[in-house]
PDB file of N, CA and C in Angstrom:
ATOM      1  N   UNK A   1     100.839  95.877  98.069  1.00  0.00           N
ATOM      2  CA  UNK A   1      99.879  95.266  98.789  1.00  0.00           C
ATOM      3  C   UNK A   1      98.825  94.105  98.154  1.00  0.00           C
ATOM      4  N   UNK A   2      99.036  93.135  98.679  1.00  0.00           N
ATOM      5  CA  UNK A   2      98.390  91.835  98.223  1.00  0.00           C
ATOM      6  C   UNK A   2      98.615  91.795  97.005  1.00  0.00           C
ATOM      7  N   UNK A   3      99.875  91.732  96.360  1.00  0.00           N
ATOM      8  CA  UNK A   3     100.453  91.390  95.026  1.00  0.00           C
ATOM      9  C   UNK A   3     100.844  89.747  95.187  1.00  0.00           C
ATOM     10  N   UNK A   4     100.711  89.046  93.739  1.00  0.00           N
ATOM     11  CA  UNK A   4     101.292  87.718  93.968  1.00  0.00           C
ATOM     12  C   UNK A   4     102.158  87.332  94.837  1.00  0.00           C
ATOM     13  N   UNK A   5     103.527  88.457  93.977  1.00  0.00           N
ATOM     14  CA  UNK A   5     104.953  88.708  94.844  1.00  0.00           C
ATOM     15  C   UNK A   5     104.940  88.702  96.041  1.00  0.00           C
ATOM     16  N   UNK A   6     103.861  89.507  96.657  1.00  0.00           N
ATOM     17  CA  UNK A   6     104.418  90.203  98.297  1.00  0.00           C
ATOM     18  C   UNK A   6     103.697  88.936  99.065  1.00  0.00           C
ATOM     19  N   UNK A   7     102.578  87.994  98.495  1.00  0.00           N
ATOM     20  CA  UNK A   7     102.520  86.955  99.182  1.00  0.00           C
ATOM     21  C   UNK A   7     103.465  85.375  99.269  1.00  0.00           C
ATOM     22  N   UNK A   8     103.671  85.717  97.981  1.00  0.00           N
ATOM     23  CA  UNK A   8     105.329  84.477  97.435  1.00  0.00           C
ATOM     24  C   UNK A   8     106.439  84.652  98.150  1.00  0.00           C
ATOM     25  N   UNK A   9     107.116  86.308  98.542  1.00  0.00           N
ATOM     26  CA  UNK A   9     108.092  86.352  99.459  1.00  0.00           C
ATOM     27  C   UNK A   9     107.319  86.220 101.507  1.00  0.00           C
ATOM     28  N   UNK A  10     106.377  86.303 101.394  1.00  0.00           N
ATOM     29  CA  UNK A  10     106.239  85.936 102.519  1.00  0.00           C
ATOM     30  C   UNK A  10     105.906  84.458 102.850  1.00  0.00           C
ATOM     31  N   UNK A  11     105.687  83.674 101.794  1.00  0.00           N
ATOM     32  CA  UNK A  11     106.457  82.365 101.792  1.00  0.00           C
ATOM     33  C   UNK A  11     107.413  82.039 102.322  1.00  0.00           C
ATOM     34  N   UNK A  12     108.772  83.006 100.922  1.00  0.00           N
ATOM     35  CA  UNK A  12     109.583  82.535 101.029  1.00  0.00           C
ATOM     36  C   UNK A  12     110.574  82.769 102.528  1.00  0.00           C
ATOM     37  N   UNK A  13     109.941  83.456 103.235  1.00  0.00           N
ATOM     38  CA  UNK A  13     110.007  84.264 104.503  1.00  0.00           C
ATOM     39  C   UNK A  13     109.997  83.329 106.198  1.00  0.00           C
ATOM     40  N   UNK A  14     109.252  82.080 105.270  1.00  0.00           N
ATOM     41  CA  UNK A  14     108.786  81.182 106.416  1.00  0.00           C
ATOM     42  C   UNK A  14     107.308  81.867 106.673  1.00  0.00           C
ATOM     43  N   UNK A  15     106.581  82.274 106.285  1.00  0.00           N
ATOM     44  CA  UNK A  15     105.239  82.893 106.602  1.00  0.00           C
ATOM     45  C   UNK A  15     104.026  81.517 106.385  1.00  0.00           C
ATOM     46  N   UNK A  16     103.796  81.337 107.762  1.00  0.00           N
ATOM     47  CA  UNK A  16     102.693  80.042 107.667  1.00  0.00           C
ATOM     48  C   UNK A  16     101.475  80.369 107.197  1.00  0.00           C
ATOM     49  N   UNK A  17     100.977  81.674 107.022  1.00  0.00           N
ATOM     50  CA  UNK A  17      99.906  82.090 106.821  1.00  0.00           C
ATOM     51  C   UNK A  17      99.853  83.572 106.409  1.00  0.00           C
ATOM     52  N   UNK A  18      98.957  83.931 105.371  1.00  0.00           N
ATOM     53  CA  UNK A  18      99.288  85.096 105.176  1.00  0.00           C
ATOM     54  C   UNK A  18      97.526  85.817 105.033  1.00  0.00           C
ATOM     55  N   UNK A  19      97.455  86.822 105.406  1.00  0.00           N
ATOM     56  CA  UNK A  19      95.991  87.673 105.357  1.00  0.00           C
ATOM     57  C   UNK A  19      95.894  88.563 104.504  1.00  0.00           C
ATOM     58  N   UNK A  20      94.487  88.376 103.416  1.00  0.00           N
ATOM     59  CA  UNK A  20      94.229  89.322 102.658  1.00  0.00           C
ATOM     60  C   UNK A  20      92.811  89.765 101.956  1.00  0.00           C
ATOM     61  N   UNK A  21      92.467  90.785 101.657  1.00  0.00           N
ATOM     62  CA  UNK A  21      91.074  91.053 101.860  1.00  0.00           C
ATOM     63  C   UNK A  21      90.274  90.854 100.306  1.00  0.00           C
ATOM     64  N   UNK A  22      88.895  89.854 100.169  1.00  0.00           N
ATOM     65  CA  UNK A  22      88.562  89.995  99.064  1.00  0.00           C
ATOM     66  C   UNK A  22      87.258  90.603  98.743  1.00  0.00           C
ATOM     67  N   UNK A  23      87.091  91.808  97.816  1.00  0.00           N
ATOM     68  CA  UNK A  23      85.351  92.495  97.897  1.00  0.00           C
ATOM     69  C   UNK A  23      85.178  92.056  97.041  1.00  0.00           C
ATOM     70  N   UNK A  24      84.254  92.365  96.570  1.00  0.00           N
ATOM     71  CA  UNK A  24      83.514  92.447  95.185  1.00  0.00           C
ATOM     72  C   UNK A  24      83.579  93.929  94.657  1.00  0.00           C
ATOM     73  N   UNK A  25      83.765  93.817  93.200  1.00  0.00           N
ATOM     74  CA  UNK A  25      83.466  94.985  92.064  1.00  0.00           C
ATOM     75  C   UNK A  25      81.800  95.281  91.742  1.00  0.00           C
ATOM     76  N   UNK A  26      81.281  96.149  91.029  1.00  0.00           N
ATOM     77  CA  UNK A  26      80.277  96.659  90.927  1.00  0.00           C
ATOM     78  C   UNK A  26      79.313  95.500  89.968  1.00  0.00           C
ATOM     79  N   UNK A  27      80.409  94.768  89.275  1.00  0.00           N
ATOM     80  CA  UNK A  27      79.962  93.441  88.771  1.00  0.00           C
ATOM     81  C   UNK A  27      80.481  92.338  89.110  1.00  0.00           C
ATOM     82  N   UNK A  28      80.724  92.259  90.637  1.00  0.00           N
ATOM     83  CA  UNK A  28      80.707  91.223  91.212  1.00  0.00           C
ATOM     84  C   UNK A  28      81.684  90.186  90.964  1.00  0.00           C
ATOM     85  N   UNK A  29      82.653  90.740  90.607  1.00  0.00           N
ATOM     86  CA  UNK A  29      83.940  90.304  90.503  1.00  0.00           C
ATOM     87  C   UNK A  29      84.933  90.431  91.733  1.00  0.00           C
ATOM     88  N   UNK A  30      85.286  88.952  92.351  1.00  0.00           N
ATOM     89  CA  UNK A  30      86.387  89.068  93.042  1.00  0.00           C
ATOM     90  C   UNK A  30      87.329  89.792  93.354  1.00  0.00           C
ATOM     91  N   UNK A  31      87.730  90.844  93.744  1.00  0.00           N
ATOM     92  CA  UNK A  31      88.722  91.542  93.936  1.00  0.00           C
ATOM     93  C   UNK A  31      90.073  91.857  94.613  1.00  0.00           C
ATOM     94  N   UNK A  32      91.173  91.502  95.354  1.00  0.00           N
ATOM     95  CA  UNK A  32      91.684  91.071  96.370  1.00  0.00           C
ATOM     96  C   UNK A  32      92.473  92.549  96.683  1.00  0.00           C
ATOM     97  N   UNK A  33      91.921  93.287  97.519  1.00  0.00           N
ATOM     98  CA  UNK A  33      92.558  94.737  97.774  1.00  0.00           C
ATOM     99  C   UNK A  33      91.760  95.213  99.509  1.00  0.00           C
ATOM    100  N   UNK A  34      92.942  95.183  99.960  1.00  0.00           N
ATOM    101  CA  UNK A  34      93.196  95.819 101.636  1.00  0.00           C
ATOM    102  C   UNK A  34      91.954  96.565 102.018  1.00  0.00           C
ATOM    103  N   UNK A  35      91.500  98.107 101.020  1.00  0.00           N
ATOM    104  CA  UNK A  35      91.137  98.673 101.750  1.00  0.00           C
ATOM    105  C   UNK A  35      89.738  99.281 100.758  1.00  0.00           C
ATOM    106  N   UNK A  36      88.976  99.726 101.030  1.00  0.00           N
ATOM    107  CA  UNK A  36      88.481 100.221 100.051  1.00  0.00           C
ATOM    108  C   UNK A  36      88.438 101.937  99.904  1.00  0.00           C
ATOM    109  N   UNK A  37      89.423 102.455 100.244  1.00  0.00           N
ATOM    110  CA  UNK A  37      90.470 103.738  99.974  1.00  0.00           C
ATOM    111  C   UNK A  37      91.403 103.211  99.048  1.00  0.00           C
ATOM    112  N   UNK A  38      91.868 103.751  97.865  1.00  0.00           N
ATOM    113  CA  UNK A  38      92.704 103.626  96.842  1.00  0.00           C
ATOM    114  C   UNK A  38      94.071 104.836  96.967  1.00  0.00           C
ATOM    115  N   UNK A  39      93.674 105.342  98.081  1.00  0.00           N
ATOM    116  CA  UNK A  39      94.636 106.304  98.379  1.00  0.00           C
ATOM    117  C   UNK A  39      96.363 106.100  97.963  1.00  0.00           C
ATOM    118  N   UNK A  40      97.187 104.965  98.200  1.00  0.00           N
ATOM    119  CA  UNK A  40      98.052 104.620  98.293  1.00  0.00           C
ATOM    120  C   UNK A  40      98.661 104.197  97.366  1.00  0.00           C
ATOM    121  N   UNK A  41      97.952 103.552  96.535  1.00  0.00           N
ATOM    122  CA  UNK A  41      98.005 102.937  94.699  1.00  0.00           C
ATOM    123  C   UNK A  41      97.814 103.989  94.166  1.00  0.00           C
ATOM    124  N   UNK A  42      96.777 104.540  94.447  1.00  0.00           N
ATOM    125  CA  UNK A  42      96.687 105.818  92.922  1.00  0.00           C
ATOM    126  C   UNK A  42      97.184 107.075  93.496  1.00  0.00           C
ATOM    127  N   UNK A  43      97.587 107.355  95.090  1.00  0.00           N
ATOM    128  CA  UNK A  43      97.945 108.518  94.881  1.00  0.00           C
ATOM    129  C   UNK A  43      96.781 109.486  95.004  1.00  0.00           C
ATOM    130  N   UNK A  44      95.795 109.247  95.060  1.00  0.00           N
ATOM    131  CA  UNK A  44      94.850 110.074  95.418  1.00  0.00           C
ATOM    132  C   UNK A  44      93.602 109.771  96.134  1.00  0.00           C
ATOM    133  N   UNK A  45      92.622 110.328  97.084  1.00  0.00           N
ATOM    134  CA  UNK A  45      91.631 109.478  97.601  1.00  0.00           C
ATOM    135  C   UNK A  45      90.899 109.138  96.959  1.00  0.00           C
ATOM    136  N   UNK A  46      90.300 108.131  96.547  1.00  0.00           N
ATOM    137  CA  UNK A  46      88.935 107.714  96.101  1.00  0.00           C
ATOM    138  C   UNK A  46      88.434 106.347  96.490  1.00  0.00           C
ATOM    139  N   UNK A  47      87.203 106.069  96.367  1.00  0.00           N
ATOM    140  CA  UNK A  47      86.256 104.879  97.057  1.00  0.00           C
ATOM    141  C   UNK A  47      86.520 103.853  95.995  1.00  0.00           C
ATOM    142  N   UNK A  48      87.281 102.730  96.018  1.00  0.00           N
ATOM    143  CA  UNK A  48      87.234 101.787  95.439  1.00  0.00           C
ATOM    144  C   UNK A  48      85.646 101.141  94.166  1.00  0.00           C
ATOM    145  N   UNK A  49      84.590 101.450  95.759  1.00  0.00           N
ATOM    146  CA  UNK A  49      83.438 101.533  95.264  1.00  0.00           C
ATOM    147  C   UNK A  49      83.154 102.576  93.711  1.00  0.00           C
ATOM    148  N   UNK A  50      83.685 102.791  93.555  1.00  0.00           N
ATOM    149  CA  UNK A  50      83.315 104.358  92.672  1.00  0.00           C
ATOM    150  C   UNK A  50      84.370 103.961  91.230  1.00  0.00           C
ATOM    151  N   UNK A  51      84.972 103.339  91.225  1.00  0.00           N
ATOM    152  CA  UNK A  51      86.303 103.388  90.455  1.00  0.00           C
ATOM    153  C   UNK A  51      85.936 101.581  89.766  1.00  0.00           C
ATOM    154  N   UNK A  52      86.285 102.178  88.265  1.00  0.00           N
ATOM    155  CA  UNK A  52      86.322 101.031  86.997  1.00  0.00           C
ATOM    156  C   UNK A  52      87.663 100.147  87.004  1.00  0.00           C
ATOM    157  N   UNK A  53      87.137  99.233  87.088  1.00  0.00           N
ATOM    158  CA  UNK A  53      88.158  97.758  87.136  1.00  0.00           C
ATOM    159  C   UNK A  53      89.842  98.163  86.307  1.00  0.00           C
ATOM    160  N   UNK A  54      89.412  99.074  84.853  1.00  0.00           N
ATOM    161  CA  UNK A  54      90.741  99.703  84.124  1.00  0.00           C
ATOM    162  C   UNK A  54      91.160 101.212  85.013  1.00  0.00           C
ATOM    163  N   UNK A  55      90.577 101.467  85.195  1.00  0.00           N
ATOM    164  CA  UNK A  55      91.210 102.601  86.332  1.00  0.00           C
ATOM    165  C   UNK A  55      91.925 102.346  87.121  1.00  0.00           C
ATOM    166  N   UNK A  56      91.969 101.083  87.847  1.00  0.00           N
ATOM    167  CA  UNK A  56      92.896 100.812  89.244  1.00  0.00           C
ATOM    168  C   UNK A  56      93.693  99.345  88.523  1.00  0.00           C
ATOM    169  N   UNK A  57      94.145  99.237  87.029  1.00  0.00           N
ATOM    170  CA  UNK A  57      94.390  98.082  86.383  1.00  0.00           C
ATOM    171  C   UNK A  57      96.191  98.092  87.208  1.00  0.00           C
ATOM    172  N   UNK A  58      96.719  97.561  87.204  1.00  0.00           N
ATOM    173  CA  UNK A  58      98.277  97.734  88.035  1.00  0.00           C
ATOM    174  C   UNK A  58      98.953  96.528  86.614  1.00  0.00           C
ATOM    175  N   UNK A  59      99.656  97.105  86.356  1.00  0.00           N
ATOM    176  CA  UNK A  59     100.632  95.803  85.317  1.00  0.00           C
ATOM    177  C   UNK A  59     101.302  94.783  85.601  1.00  0.00           C
ATOM    178  N   UNK A  60     101.781  95.646  86.978  1.00  0.00           N
ATOM    179  CA  UNK A  60     102.511  94.823  87.648  1.00  0.00           C
ATOM    180  C   UNK A  60     102.182  93.674  88.709  1.00  0.00           C
ATOM    181  N   UNK A  61     100.811  93.180  88.544  1.00  0.00           N
ATOM    182  CA  UNK A  61     100.228  92.469  89.275  1.00  0.00           C
ATOM    183  C   UNK A  61      99.825  90.884  88.507  1.00  0.00           C
TER     184      UNK A  61
END
């Protein structure tokens, strides 16, 4: 979801535009993430508003 690799893949397949969501973290840092529940990435239902950045860090991003 919303990784640089996925955006590049869309461009390589001819996409003229991509859509992604930008949310602010608790410390007002912009974060690109699709929704405010992290169940797909985290394998558990959590509100992204309650998570720290280190909790949702993904090394492949």
